[in-house]
Every structure is written in C-alpha cells, then in structure tokens.
Amino acid sequence: MDYKELFLQYIKNEKNFSKNTLIAYRNDLSQFHDYLNRKLANFVYKDIDYPVLREWVMMLMSMDMSNRTVCRKIGTIRKFFKFLMREEVIDQNPADLLDRPKLPKKLPTFVAEDKMEVVGEKDFFNDSNLVVKDINNLGVLEEKELSTEKKFEISRDRLVVELLYQTGIRRAELCGLMLKDLDFPKMQILIRGKGDKERLVPILSGLREIFEDYLVARKNLFGDFGGIGSYAKDGEYVFLSNTGKNIYPKLVYRIVHKYLAKVTTMKKKSPHVLRHSFATHLLNNGADLVSIKDLMGHADLGATQLYTHVEFKELVKIFKRAHPRAEK
C-alpha cells in the first residue's frame, strides 16, 4: 500500500491544506523515501528508528539547506509518521525525538507610516480622469484621455495595494475574493483564509470608494462583471487581469513591487510586506493583539506576538532619542 499517497490525500481532503503546502509535502516525502531506498533496501516503516532519521537530518544539513527548510522537512516527516501511527502501521513515532535546528528571530519588514500616507494619495496611482499628452501628426502637442484599458489597470492596481494594506489580507485571499463576498452596506468583506476558514474584515469608507471606482472601470472594460469570451466564468472574481482572467499571484506581486518601489528602497517589496505594515501600524497606534489576530486570520496568538518585537524596537529608538542620558 502506498502510504505516502494516502497521507497526501488525507491532508488534502481532511486537513484542507493549500495547494502549495501539498506540493511542498510531496517533495519532502519523495526526497525522504529516496533516502530510505538508498539506506534500507526493501524497507518497512517499522524498520525506521531514531538513528536512521537523525542521519537523514544530518544529510540535509550537509546539503547547505537553510535551517528553515530543514525545519519544514522535519515537520513533514513528523506528521507523516503520526499518520502511520493513526493507520496502525507503526507502534511508536521515532520522529518525535528529532530536534529542529534553531531559527533566528526574524522581524517582519514593514513600510513606514509616512511612506504609506504617500501611497494613499489618489494622484499617486494617477487619477483615471487624467489626460495624457501626445504629439499628433502635425507636430502639435495635444491632450488625450486615458484609454478604458489604462483606467481599468490604474484603478485595479490602486485597489490591490490599498486592500492589502488596509485589511492585512494575504495575497491568496485577495486572488480568491469574489463579488458575492463584498458587503458595502455593512462595510465588510468575507475572506476565505487558510484551510477555507472564513472571517469578516471591516473596510473603511475610503476603501469602499476605491472598490466602487474599480468596479466602474471594470464594467466599462468587460461589461457586467463578465470576462472575455471563454474567460467569462472568471467574472465572479473581483480582481481580473488585463485580459479578463482571474488575477494571479505573480501579477499581484508585480503590482505591489512597482508601487512600493516609488516610496521605499527596502529590498523586500512584496504583498506580505503590506500585511506586516498593516499589523505593525495597528499595534503602534494602540490596537490590541487579540483584535489584530482576528483581523489577520492567525490561528493562534503566537503568530501575532511577533509584531510586539517591532513595536519594542520602535520604543527603543524613541527612548534613545528622548532620554536626557541617552547619547545624542
């Protein structure tokens, strides 16, 4: 019996793991089984003990993998052996004895509040009512209104950046947002997070106006919320690409990177940086951790507590700048 495939079906159907997580687990298990086949010919899972697993971990460490990658692979094997125990294939879980390599505490990267204020200005994205200047056939400079396609692109890009920053949702959650999830009368949107867990996220009046501007531009380009031709089935999604298909993660990344590059020289300019900025700015302005946890869709408070280190770091700067005994 192929317990590897049974395990992957289990975490897909019963645990609702994401597609990317399933791919990572499959790769980890394939690599692990390749090692077992080389180490133990015709092995059975009961033959695998702690020394075998420890040697596998040492092999991973010798391959110059990052500690974070090794930790993930150990986590995969732990879950796999736990599944084998559930299926009564083994009596004990040797993977429980494995120690994970220590990970350095990595503070989240975020954009400063004053920089995000610049991003929040309407003209930052170029107002869709602006005109462009061009030289006609007679060599005379004349003004032309932006095309319908350009107006759509500008309004969409603005909404992508503002939605990520004002709500703290994940990139995948933005890509999966559907028209039926928008509730403007109640000033809220429904978000489907990891494991298909749903949560309601409030929106501000300014964000609602950005939504409405985008939906008008989208209707002008694609009609009544339908895509183009065979892509019409994607019309129920909020965000579309320039071709009418549902927006995809790489496009979201390019949009965010493009506009953050205008206000910061930080190396990381990803959608997740806006999620970090959302949490950090809320915390620095008095929001409590439990509320931030619920808004972000964290499973437990531990993930949210990471942002307290960012707040403390800012407090240290203020302290050193303000205390009379501090070095100026």
C-alpha atoms as a PDB file:
ATOM      1  CA  MET A   1       0.000   0.000   0.000  1.00  0.00           C
ATOM      2  CA  ASP A   2       1.307   3.471  -0.908  1.00  0.00           C
ATOM      3  CA  TYR A   3       1.059   5.264   2.427  1.00  0.00           C
ATOM      4  CA  LYS A   4       2.724   8.357   1.021  1.00  0.00           C
ATOM      5  CA  GLU A   5      -0.176   8.928  -1.381  1.00  0.00           C
ATOM      6  CA  LEU A   6      -2.706   8.050   1.316  1.00  0.00           C
ATOM      7  CA  PHE A   7      -1.124  10.648   3.585  1.00  0.00           C
ATOM      8  CA  LEU A   8      -1.225  13.319   0.871  1.00  0.00           C
ATOM      9  CA  GLN A   9      -4.898  12.570   0.226  1.00  0.00           C
ATOM     10  CA  TYR A  10      -5.533  12.782   3.964  1.00  0.00           C
ATOM     11  CA  ILE A  11      -4.021  16.247   4.397  1.00  0.00           C
ATOM     12  CA  LYS A  12      -5.764  17.435   1.240  1.00  0.00           C
ATOM     13  CA  ASN A  13      -9.261  16.156   1.976  1.00  0.00           C
ATOM     14  CA  GLU A  14      -9.412  16.166   5.770  1.00  0.00           C
ATOM     15  CA  LYS A  15      -6.940  18.897   6.720  1.00  0.00           C
ATOM     16  CA  ASN A  16      -7.699  21.236   3.789  1.00  0.00           C
ATOM     17  CA  PHE A  17      -4.037  22.093   3.258  1.00  0.00           C
ATOM     18  CA  SER A  18      -3.312  24.564   0.471  1.00  0.00           C
ATOM     19  CA  LYS A  19      -2.070  23.536  -2.959  1.00  0.00           C
ATOM     20  CA  ASN A  20       1.402  24.950  -2.324  1.00  0.00           C
ATOM     21  CA  THR A  21       1.652  23.110   1.004  1.00  0.00           C
ATOM     22  CA  LEU A  22       0.694  19.853  -0.699  1.00  0.00           C
ATOM     23  CA  ILE A  23       3.422  20.364  -3.295  1.00  0.00           C
ATOM     24  CA  ALA A  24       5.989  21.005  -0.557  1.00  0.00           C
ATOM     25  CA  TYR A  25       4.885  17.907   1.396  1.00  0.00           C
ATOM     26  CA  ARG A  26       5.044  15.749  -1.712  1.00  0.00           C
ATOM     27  CA  ASN A  27       8.572  16.937  -2.495  1.00  0.00           C
ATOM     28  CA  ASP A  28       9.705  16.407   1.104  1.00  0.00           C
ATOM     29  CA  LEU A  29       8.293  12.880   1.230  1.00  0.00           C
ATOM     30  CA  SER A  30       9.767  11.947  -2.154  1.00  0.00           C
ATOM     31  CA  GLN A  31      13.185  13.121  -1.034  1.00  0.00           C
ATOM     32  CA  PHE A  32      12.821  11.221   2.250  1.00  0.00           C
ATOM     33  CA  HIS A  33      11.798   7.986   0.512  1.00  0.00           C
ATOM     34  CA  ASP A  34      14.694   8.296  -1.932  1.00  0.00           C
ATOM     35  CA  TYR A  35      16.991   8.420   1.078  1.00  0.00           C
ATOM     36  CA  LEU A  36      15.306   5.372   2.664  1.00  0.00           C
ATOM     37  CA  ASN A  37      15.601   3.360  -0.535  1.00  0.00           C
ATOM     38  CA  ARG A  38      19.318   4.062  -0.635  1.00  0.00           C
ATOM     39  CA  LYS A  39      19.796   3.450   3.070  1.00  0.00           C
ATOM     40  CA  LEU A  40      17.485   0.469   3.604  1.00  0.00           C
ATOM     41  CA  ALA A  41      16.731  -1.836   0.696  1.00  0.00           C
ATOM     42  CA  ASN A  42      13.130  -3.100   0.739  1.00  0.00           C
ATOM     43  CA  PHE A  43      12.442  -1.234   3.970  1.00  0.00           C
ATOM     44  CA  VAL A  44       9.261  -1.336   6.014  1.00  0.00           C
ATOM     45  CA  TYR A  45       8.254   1.608   8.171  1.00  0.00           C
ATOM     46  CA  LYS A  46       8.727  -0.386  11.390  1.00  0.00           C
ATOM     47  CA  ASP A  47      12.431  -0.643  10.499  1.00  0.00           C
ATOM     48  CA  ILE A  48      12.880   3.131  10.659  1.00  0.00           C
ATOM     49  CA  ASP A  49      14.190   4.240  14.045  1.00  0.00           C
ATOM     50  CA  TYR A  50      15.583   7.435  15.507  1.00  0.00           C
ATOM     51  CA  PRO A  51      19.220   6.859  14.353  1.00  0.00           C
ATOM     52  CA  VAL A  52      18.013   6.488  10.750  1.00  0.00           C
ATOM     53  CA  LEU A  53      16.043   9.701  10.969  1.00  0.00           C
ATOM     54  CA  ARG A  54      18.872  11.552  12.667  1.00  0.00           C
ATOM     55  CA  GLU A  55      21.244  10.528   9.869  1.00  0.00           C
ATOM     56  CA  TRP A  56      18.687  11.825   7.360  1.00  0.00           C
ATOM     57  CA  VAL A  57      18.611  15.200   9.143  1.00  0.00           C
ATOM     58  CA  MET A  58      22.422  15.342   9.183  1.00  0.00           C
ATOM     59  CA  MET A  59      22.404  14.662   5.449  1.00  0.00           C
ATOM     60  CA  LEU A  60      20.016  17.595   4.913  1.00  0.00           C
ATOM     61  CA  MET A  61      22.246  19.866   6.979  1.00  0.00           C
ATOM     62  CA  SER A  62      25.256  18.857   4.888  1.00  0.00           C
ATOM     63  CA  MET A  63      23.436  19.986   1.728  1.00  0.00           C
ATOM     64  CA  ASP A  64      23.650  23.649   2.778  1.00  0.00           C
ATOM     65  CA  MET A  65      19.891  23.882   3.220  1.00  0.00           C
ATOM     66  CA  SER A  66      18.650  26.721   5.379  1.00  0.00           C
ATOM     67  CA  ASN A  67      17.557  25.870   8.905  1.00  0.00           C
ATOM     68  CA  ARG A  68      14.052  26.983   7.982  1.00  0.00           C
ATOM     69  CA  THR A  69      13.882  24.444   5.118  1.00  0.00           C
ATOM     70  CA  VAL A  70      15.216  21.648   7.313  1.00  0.00           C
ATOM     71  CA  CYS A  71      12.651  22.515   9.986  1.00  0.00           C
ATOM     72  CA  ARG A  72       9.865  22.282   7.431  1.00  0.00           C
ATOM     73  CA  LYS A  73      11.053  18.883   6.219  1.00  0.00           C
ATOM     74  CA  ILE A  74      11.248  17.571   9.793  1.00  0.00           C
ATOM     75  CA  GLY A  75       7.706  18.832  10.357  1.00  0.00           C
ATOM     76  CA  THR A  76       6.547  16.962   7.256  1.00  0.00           C
ATOM     77  CA  ILE A  77       8.096  13.699   8.450  1.00  0.00           C
ATOM     78  CA  ARG A  78       6.654  14.126  11.936  1.00  0.00           C
ATOM     79  CA  LYS A  79       3.167  14.496  10.506  1.00  0.00           C
ATOM     80  CA  PHE A  80       3.729  11.543   8.172  1.00  0.00           C
ATOM     81  CA  PHE A  81       4.788   9.214  10.989  1.00  0.00           C
ATOM     82  CA  LYS A  82       1.892  10.438  13.103  1.00  0.00           C
ATOM     83  CA  PHE A  83      -0.358   9.416  10.222  1.00  0.00           C
ATOM     84  CA  LEU A  84       1.332   5.992  10.105  1.00  0.00           C
ATOM     85  CA  MET A  85       0.546   5.530  13.791  1.00  0.00           C
ATOM     86  CA  ARG A  86      -3.062   6.506  13.148  1.00  0.00           C
ATOM     87  CA  GLU A  87      -3.196   3.837  10.437  1.00  0.00           C
ATOM     88  CA  GLU A  88      -1.591   1.357  12.898  1.00  0.00           C
ATOM     89  CA  VAL A  89       1.358   0.821  10.565  1.00  0.00           C
ATOM     90  CA  ILE A  90       3.839   1.576  13.384  1.00  0.00           C
ATOM     91  CA  ASP A  91       3.613   1.449  17.178  1.00  0.00           C
ATOM     92  CA  GLN A  92       5.907   4.369  18.025  1.00  0.00           C
ATOM     93  CA  ASN A  93       6.796   7.623  16.334  1.00  0.00           C
ATOM     94  CA  PRO A  94      10.610   7.932  16.103  1.00  0.00           C
ATOM     95  CA  ALA A  95      10.249  11.372  14.517  1.00  0.00           C
ATOM     96  CA  ASP A  96       9.054  12.793  17.854  1.00  0.00           C
ATOM     97  CA  LEU A  97      12.639  12.574  19.080  1.00  0.00           C
ATOM     98  CA  LEU A  98      14.010  14.758  16.295  1.00  0.00           C
ATOM     99  CA  ASP A  99      15.221  18.198  17.330  1.00  0.00           C
ATOM    100  CA  ARG A 100      14.692  21.045  14.927  1.00  0.00           C
ATOM    101  CA  PRO A 101      17.604  23.391  14.236  1.00  0.00           C
ATOM    102  CA  LYS A 102      17.223  26.792  15.863  1.00  0.00           C
ATOM    103  CA  LEU A 103      15.818  29.566  13.729  1.00  0.00           C
ATOM    104  CA  PRO A 104      16.976  33.151  14.102  1.00  0.00           C
ATOM    105  CA  LYS A 105      14.250  35.532  15.171  1.00  0.00           C
ATOM    106  CA  LYS A 106      13.353  37.410  12.039  1.00  0.00           C
ATOM    107  CA  LEU A 107      11.483  40.664  12.479  1.00  0.00           C
ATOM    108  CA  PRO A 108       8.857  41.368   9.833  1.00  0.00           C
ATOM    109  CA  THR A 109       9.657  44.001   7.231  1.00  0.00           C
ATOM    110  CA  PHE A 110       7.189  46.870   7.037  1.00  0.00           C
ATOM    111  CA  VAL A 111       6.794  50.216   5.307  1.00  0.00           C
ATOM    112  CA  ALA A 112       6.877  53.339   7.491  1.00  0.00           C
ATOM    113  CA  GLU A 113       3.544  55.059   8.111  1.00  0.00           C
ATOM    114  CA  ASP A 114       4.566  58.286   6.402  1.00  0.00           C
ATOM    115  CA  LYS A 115       5.503  56.340   3.270  1.00  0.00           C
ATOM    116  CA  MET A 116       2.109  54.628   3.228  1.00  0.00           C
ATOM    117  CA  GLU A 117       0.448  58.028   3.560  1.00  0.00           C
ATOM    118  CA  VAL A 118       2.088  58.980   0.253  1.00  0.00           C
ATOM    119  CA  VAL A 119       0.809  55.738  -1.307  1.00  0.00           C
ATOM    120  CA  GLY A 120      -2.667  56.610  -0.034  1.00  0.00           C
ATOM    121  CA  GLU A 121      -2.851  59.808  -2.058  1.00  0.00           C
ATOM    122  CA  LYS A 122      -5.126  59.384  -5.077  1.00  0.00           C
ATOM    123  CA  ASP A 123      -2.719  61.012  -7.516  1.00  0.00           C
ATOM    124  CA  PHE A 124      -0.021  58.506  -6.505  1.00  0.00           C
ATOM    125  CA  PHE A 125      -1.617  55.977  -8.863  1.00  0.00           C
ATOM    126  CA  ASN A 126      -2.584  58.586 -11.459  1.00  0.00           C
ATOM    127  CA  ASP A 127      -6.225  59.596 -11.349  1.00  0.00           C
ATOM    128  CA  SER A 128      -8.227  57.806 -14.042  1.00  0.00           C
ATOM    129  CA  ASN A 129      -9.606  61.210 -15.105  1.00  0.00           C
ATOM    130  CA  LEU A 130      -6.153  62.497 -16.007  1.00  0.00           C
ATOM    131  CA  VAL A 131      -5.209  63.023 -19.608  1.00  0.00           C
ATOM    132  CA  VAL A 132      -2.044  62.068 -21.412  1.00  0.00           C
ATOM    133  CA  LYS A 133      -0.086  64.377 -23.677  1.00  0.00           C
ATOM    134  CA  ASP A 134       0.907  63.300 -27.156  1.00  0.00           C
ATOM    135  CA  ILE A 135       2.159  64.919 -30.364  1.00  0.00           C
ATOM    136  CA  ASN A 136      -0.214  64.492 -33.293  1.00  0.00           C
ATOM    137  CA  ASN A 137       0.663  64.039 -36.964  1.00  0.00           C
ATOM    138  CA  LEU A 138       1.010  67.798 -37.416  1.00  0.00           C
ATOM    139  CA  GLY A 139       3.569  68.033 -34.605  1.00  0.00           C
ATOM    140  CA  VAL A 140       1.125  69.784 -32.277  1.00  0.00           C
ATOM    141  CA  LEU A 141       1.006  68.795 -28.598  1.00  0.00           C
ATOM    142  CA  GLU A 142      -2.494  67.689 -27.698  1.00  0.00           C
ATOM    143  CA  GLU A 143      -4.176  66.068 -24.721  1.00  0.00           C
ATOM    144  CA  LYS A 144      -5.887  62.710 -24.902  1.00  0.00           C
ATOM    145  CA  GLU A 145      -7.979  60.989 -22.288  1.00  0.00           C
ATOM    146  CA  LEU A 146      -6.619  57.749 -20.882  1.00  0.00           C
ATOM    147  CA  SER A 147      -7.906  54.621 -22.582  1.00  0.00           C
ATOM    148  CA  THR A 148     -10.527  52.420 -20.951  1.00  0.00           C
ATOM    149  CA  GLU A 149      -7.888  49.722 -20.527  1.00  0.00           C
ATOM    150  CA  LYS A 150      -5.489  52.106 -18.776  1.00  0.00           C
ATOM    151  CA  LYS A 151      -8.203  53.422 -16.466  1.00  0.00           C
ATOM    152  CA  PHE A 152      -9.043  49.842 -15.506  1.00  0.00           C
ATOM    153  CA  GLU A 153      -5.397  48.981 -14.830  1.00  0.00           C
ATOM    154  CA  ILE A 154      -4.809  52.057 -12.670  1.00  0.00           C
ATOM    155  CA  SER A 155      -7.974  51.569 -10.609  1.00  0.00           C
ATOM    156  CA  ARG A 156      -7.236  47.859 -10.152  1.00  0.00           C
ATOM    157  CA  ASP A 157      -3.641  48.431  -9.076  1.00  0.00           C
ATOM    158  CA  ARG A 158      -4.727  51.068  -6.591  1.00  0.00           C
ATOM    159  CA  LEU A 159      -7.334  48.739  -5.096  1.00  0.00           C
ATOM    160  CA  VAL A 160      -4.846  45.851  -4.871  1.00  0.00           C
ATOM    161  CA  VAL A 161      -2.338  47.922  -2.869  1.00  0.00           C
ATOM    162  CA  GLU A 162      -4.917  49.636  -0.672  1.00  0.00           C
ATOM    163  CA  LEU A 163      -6.870  46.453   0.064  1.00  0.00           C
ATOM    164  CA  LEU A 164      -3.722  44.602   1.150  1.00  0.00           C
ATOM    165  CA  TYR A 165      -2.622  47.473   3.382  1.00  0.00           C
ATOM    166  CA  GLN A 166      -5.998  48.464   4.832  1.00  0.00           C
ATOM    167  CA  THR A 167      -7.143  44.922   5.672  1.00  0.00           C
ATOM    168  CA  GLY A 168      -3.948  42.900   6.074  1.00  0.00           C
ATOM    169  CA  ILE A 169      -5.296  40.024   3.981  1.00  0.00           C
ATOM    170  CA  ARG A 170      -2.958  37.554   2.290  1.00  0.00           C
ATOM    171  CA  ARG A 171      -2.178  37.593  -1.430  1.00  0.00           C
ATOM    172  CA  ALA A 172      -4.008  34.283  -1.969  1.00  0.00           C
ATOM    173  CA  GLU A 173      -7.044  35.678  -0.143  1.00  0.00           C
ATOM    174  CA  LEU A 174      -7.086  38.690  -2.453  1.00  0.00           C
ATOM    175  CA  CYS A 175      -6.874  36.473  -5.547  1.00  0.00           C
ATOM    176  CA  GLY A 176      -9.797  34.388  -4.286  1.00  0.00           C
ATOM    177  CA  LEU A 177     -12.059  37.327  -3.375  1.00  0.00           C
ATOM    178  CA  MET A 178     -15.429  37.085  -5.133  1.00  0.00           C
ATOM    179  CA  LEU A 179     -18.083  39.678  -5.895  1.00  0.00           C
ATOM    180  CA  LYS A 180     -20.534  37.941  -3.573  1.00  0.00           C
ATOM    181  CA  ASP A 181     -18.056  38.459  -0.713  1.00  0.00           C
ATOM    182  CA  LEU A 182     -18.434  42.245  -0.874  1.00  0.00           C
ATOM    183  CA  ASP A 183     -20.967  43.739   1.541  1.00  0.00           C
ATOM    184  CA  PHE A 184     -20.795  47.511   1.131  1.00  0.00           C
ATOM    185  CA  PRO A 185     -23.964  48.303   3.175  1.00  0.00           C
ATOM    186  CA  LYS A 186     -22.375  46.603   6.197  1.00  0.00           C
ATOM    187  CA  MET A 187     -18.908  47.930   5.293  1.00  0.00           C
ATOM    188  CA  GLN A 188     -17.310  44.486   5.409  1.00  0.00           C
ATOM    189  CA  ILE A 189     -15.926  41.748   3.169  1.00  0.00           C
ATOM    190  CA  LEU A 190     -15.836  37.989   3.614  1.00  0.00           C
ATOM    191  CA  ILE A 191     -12.349  36.484   3.460  1.00  0.00           C
ATOM    192  CA  ARG A 192     -11.590  32.793   2.942  1.00  0.00           C
ATOM    193  CA  GLY A 193      -8.283  32.070   4.628  1.00  0.00           C
ATOM    194  CA  LYS A 194      -6.053  29.055   5.131  1.00  0.00           C
ATOM    195  CA  GLY A 195      -7.933  25.785   5.410  1.00  0.00           C
ATOM    196  CA  ASP A 196     -11.036  27.508   3.964  1.00  0.00           C
ATOM    197  CA  LYS A 197     -11.593  29.283   7.292  1.00  0.00           C
ATOM    198  CA  GLU A 198     -13.833  32.304   6.822  1.00  0.00           C
ATOM    199  CA  ARG A 199     -13.632  35.648   8.613  1.00  0.00           C
ATOM    200  CA  LEU A 200     -15.288  39.031   8.212  1.00  0.00           C
ATOM    201  CA  VAL A 201     -12.992  42.010   7.732  1.00  0.00           C
ATOM    202  CA  PRO A 202     -14.264  45.592   8.103  1.00  0.00           C
ATOM    203  CA  ILE A 203     -13.486  48.202   5.458  1.00  0.00           C
ATOM    204  CA  LEU A 204     -13.307  51.974   5.707  1.00  0.00           C
ATOM    205  CA  SER A 205     -15.377  54.366   3.597  1.00  0.00           C
ATOM    206  CA  GLY A 206     -12.298  55.399   1.614  1.00  0.00           C
ATOM    207  CA  LEU A 207     -11.606  51.792   0.650  1.00  0.00           C
ATOM    208  CA  ARG A 208     -15.224  51.308  -0.362  1.00  0.00           C
ATOM    209  CA  GLU A 209     -14.903  54.272  -2.745  1.00  0.00           C
ATOM    210  CA  ILE A 210     -11.750  52.717  -4.250  1.00  0.00           C
ATOM    211  CA  PHE A 211     -13.695  49.472  -4.686  1.00  0.00           C
ATOM    212  CA  GLU A 212     -16.536  51.321  -6.426  1.00  0.00           C
ATOM    213  CA  ASP A 213     -14.155  53.203  -8.746  1.00  0.00           C
ATOM    214  CA  TYR A 214     -12.565  49.904  -9.740  1.00  0.00           C
ATOM    215  CA  LEU A 215     -15.896  48.163 -10.342  1.00  0.00           C
ATOM    216  CA  VAL A 216     -16.983  51.005 -12.635  1.00  0.00           C
ATOM    217  CA  ALA A 217     -13.721  50.810 -14.596  1.00  0.00           C
ATOM    218  CA  ARG A 218     -14.052  47.040 -14.761  1.00  0.00           C
ATOM    219  CA  LYS A 219     -17.628  47.257 -16.040  1.00  0.00           C
ATOM    220  CA  ASN A 220     -16.607  49.792 -18.688  1.00  0.00           C
ATOM    221  CA  LEU A 221     -13.954  47.397 -19.985  1.00  0.00           C
ATOM    222  CA  PHE A 222     -15.512  43.965 -19.539  1.00  0.00           C
ATOM    223  CA  GLY A 223     -19.248  44.619 -19.247  1.00  0.00           C
ATOM    224  CA  ASP A 224     -21.489  43.498 -16.414  1.00  0.00           C
ATOM    225  CA  PHE A 225     -18.924  41.589 -14.403  1.00  0.00           C
ATOM    226  CA  GLY A 226     -18.048  39.069 -17.059  1.00  0.00           C
ATOM    227  CA  GLY A 227     -14.734  38.124 -18.522  1.00  0.00           C
ATOM    228  CA  ILE A 228     -13.812  37.948 -22.186  1.00  0.00           C
ATOM    229  CA  GLY A 229     -15.036  35.046 -24.296  1.00  0.00           C
ATOM    230  CA  SER A 230     -14.105  31.724 -22.753  1.00  0.00           C
ATOM    231  CA  TYR A 231     -12.932  33.507 -19.619  1.00  0.00           C
ATOM    232  CA  ALA A 232     -16.435  34.645 -18.680  1.00  0.00           C
ATOM    233  CA  LYS A 233     -16.551  32.020 -15.948  1.00  0.00           C
ATOM    234  CA  ASP A 234     -13.928  34.039 -14.096  1.00  0.00           C
ATOM    235  CA  GLY A 235     -16.239  37.025 -13.982  1.00  0.00           C
ATOM    236  CA  GLU A 236     -17.433  36.310 -10.462  1.00  0.00           C
ATOM    237  CA  TYR A 237     -13.978  37.057  -9.063  1.00  0.00           C
ATOM    238  CA  VAL A 238     -13.348  40.639  -8.012  1.00  0.00           C
ATOM    239  CA  PHE A 239      -9.886  41.072  -9.482  1.00  0.00           C
ATOM    240  CA  LEU A 240      -9.175  40.452 -13.152  1.00  0.00           C
ATOM    241  CA  SER A 241      -6.052  40.683 -15.233  1.00  0.00           C
ATOM    242  CA  ASN A 242      -5.890  42.966 -18.280  1.00  0.00           C
ATOM    243  CA  THR A 243      -7.144  40.041 -20.396  1.00  0.00           C
ATOM    244  CA  GLY A 244     -10.222  39.375 -18.259  1.00  0.00           C
ATOM    245  CA  LYS A 245      -8.934  36.298 -16.468  1.00  0.00           C
ATOM    246  CA  ASN A 246      -8.864  35.954 -12.701  1.00  0.00           C
ATOM    247  CA  ILE A 247      -5.838  37.766 -11.292  1.00  0.00           C
ATOM    248  CA  TYR A 248      -2.875  35.540 -10.410  1.00  0.00           C
ATOM    249  CA  PRO A 249      -0.287  35.743  -7.582  1.00  0.00           C
ATOM    250  CA  LYS A 250       2.668  36.863  -9.720  1.00  0.00           C
ATOM    251  CA  LEU A 251       0.678  39.794 -11.101  1.00  0.00           C
ATOM    252  CA  VAL A 252      -0.280  40.877  -7.569  1.00  0.00           C
ATOM    253  CA  TYR A 253       3.399  40.740  -6.602  1.00  0.00           C
ATOM    254  CA  ARG A 254       4.423  42.835  -9.615  1.00  0.00           C
ATOM    255  CA  ILE A 255       1.785  45.450  -8.843  1.00  0.00           C
ATOM    256  CA  VAL A 256       2.839  45.814  -5.214  1.00  0.00           C
ATOM    257  CA  HIS A 257       6.553  45.827  -6.058  1.00  0.00           C
ATOM    258  CA  LYS A 258       6.042  48.505  -8.713  1.00  0.00           C
ATOM    259  CA  TYR A 259       4.337  50.978  -6.396  1.00  0.00           C
ATOM    260  CA  LEU A 260       6.316  50.313  -3.217  1.00  0.00           C
ATOM    261  CA  ALA A 261       9.472  50.943  -5.243  1.00  0.00           C
ATOM    262  CA  LYS A 262       8.274  54.540  -5.612  1.00  0.00           C
ATOM    263  CA  VAL A 263       8.376  55.193  -1.863  1.00  0.00           C
ATOM    264  CA  THR A 264      10.994  52.864  -0.382  1.00  0.00           C
ATOM    265  CA  THR A 265      14.376  51.374  -1.172  1.00  0.00           C
ATOM    266  CA  MET A 266      13.750  48.306   1.001  1.00  0.00           C
ATOM    267  CA  LYS A 267      14.873  45.055  -0.574  1.00  0.00           C
ATOM    268  CA  LYS A 268      11.553  43.328   0.111  1.00  0.00           C
ATOM    269  CA  LYS A 269       8.549  44.911  -1.581  1.00  0.00           C
ATOM    270  CA  SER A 270       6.091  42.036  -1.557  1.00  0.00           C
ATOM    271  CA  PRO A 271       2.361  41.800  -0.768  1.00  0.00           C
ATOM    272  CA  HIS A 272       3.326  40.259   2.583  1.00  0.00           C
ATOM    273  CA  VAL A 273       5.213  43.448   3.460  1.00  0.00           C
ATOM    274  CA  LEU A 274       1.872  45.270   3.285  1.00  0.00           C
ATOM    275  CA  ARG A 275       0.369  42.644   5.609  1.00  0.00           C
ATOM    276  CA  HIS A 276       3.233  43.239   8.041  1.00  0.00           C
ATOM    277  CA  SER A 277       2.742  47.002   7.697  1.00  0.00           C
ATOM    278  CA  PHE A 278      -0.972  46.640   8.476  1.00  0.00           C
ATOM    279  CA  ALA A 279      -0.288  44.757  11.724  1.00  0.00           C
ATOM    280  CA  THR A 280       2.636  46.918  12.827  1.00  0.00           C
ATOM    281  CA  HIS A 281       0.812  50.201  12.279  1.00  0.00           C
ATOM    282  CA  LEU A 282      -2.276  48.959  14.120  1.00  0.00           C
ATOM    283  CA  LEU A 283      -0.170  47.859  17.073  1.00  0.00           C
ATOM    284  CA  ASN A 284       1.827  51.079  17.166  1.00  0.00           C
ATOM    285  CA  ASN A 285      -1.425  53.064  17.231  1.00  0.00           C
ATOM    286  CA  GLY A 286      -2.945  51.210  20.168  1.00  0.00           C
ATOM    287  CA  ALA A 287      -4.753  48.152  18.768  1.00  0.00           C
ATOM    288  CA  ASP A 288      -4.648  45.050  20.977  1.00  0.00           C
ATOM    289  CA  LEU A 289      -3.064  41.789  19.875  1.00  0.00           C
ATOM    290  CA  VAL A 290      -6.254  39.733  20.039  1.00  0.00           C
ATOM    291  CA  SER A 291      -8.059  42.078  17.655  1.00  0.00           C
ATOM    292  CA  ILE A 292      -5.117  42.091  15.237  1.00  0.00           C
ATOM    293  CA  LYS A 293      -5.001  38.284  15.417  1.00  0.00           C
ATOM    294  CA  ASP A 294      -8.672  38.031  14.422  1.00  0.00           C
ATOM    295  CA  LEU A 295      -8.331  40.582  11.618  1.00  0.00           C
ATOM    296  CA  MET A 296      -5.335  38.769  10.137  1.00  0.00           C
ATOM    297  CA  GLY A 297      -6.812  35.286  10.457  1.00  0.00           C
ATOM    298  CA  HIS A 298      -3.994  33.908  12.607  1.00  0.00           C
ATOM    299  CA  ALA A 299      -4.737  30.511  14.145  1.00  0.00           C
ATOM    300  CA  ASP A 300      -3.143  31.444  17.477  1.00  0.00           C
ATOM    301  CA  LEU A 301      -1.774  34.486  19.251  1.00  0.00           C
ATOM    302  CA  GLY A 302       1.836  33.325  18.889  1.00  0.00           C
ATOM    303  CA  ALA A 303       1.970  34.379  15.250  1.00  0.00           C
ATOM    304  CA  THR A 304       0.657  37.844  16.110  1.00  0.00           C
ATOM    305  CA  GLN A 305       3.030  38.373  19.039  1.00  0.00           C
ATOM    306  CA  LEU A 306       5.897  38.659  16.559  1.00  0.00           C
ATOM    307  CA  TYR A 307       4.795  42.250  15.941  1.00  0.00           C
ATOM    308  CA  THR A 308       5.372  43.222  19.587  1.00  0.00           C
ATOM    309  CA  HIS A 309       9.105  42.937  18.878  1.00  0.00           C
ATOM    310  CA  VAL A 310       8.715  45.511  16.121  1.00  0.00           C
ATOM    311  CA  GLU A 311       6.861  47.849  18.480  1.00  0.00           C
ATOM    312  CA  PHE A 312       9.559  47.433  21.145  1.00  0.00           C
ATOM    313  CA  LYS A 313      12.229  48.200  18.577  1.00  0.00           C
ATOM    314  CA  GLU A 314      10.472  51.484  17.816  1.00  0.00           C
ATOM    315  CA  LEU A 315      10.180  52.233  21.545  1.00  0.00           C
ATOM    316  CA  VAL A 316      13.943  51.774  21.924  1.00  0.00           C
ATOM    317  CA  LYS A 317      14.530  54.365  19.196  1.00  0.00           C
ATOM    318  CA  ILE A 318      12.193  56.835  20.924  1.00  0.00           C
ATOM    319  CA  PHE A 319      13.826  56.156  24.292  1.00  0.00           C
ATOM    320  CA  LYS A 320      17.335  56.765  22.980  1.00  0.00           C
ATOM    321  CA  ARG A 321      16.214  59.921  21.244  1.00  0.00           C
ATOM    322  CA  ALA A 322      14.294  61.379  24.180  1.00  0.00           C
ATOM    323  CA  HIS A 323      16.084  60.407  27.409  1.00  0.00           C
ATOM    324  CA  PRO A 324      18.480  63.057  28.800  1.00  0.00           C
ATOM    325  CA  ARG A 325      21.153  60.438  29.492  1.00  0.00           C
ATOM    326  CA  ALA A 326      20.983  58.945  26.006  1.00  0.00           C
ATOM    327  CA  GLU A 327      23.843  59.574  23.617  1.00  0.00           C
ATOM    328  CA  LYS A 328      22.782  62.203  21.096  1.00  0.00           C
END
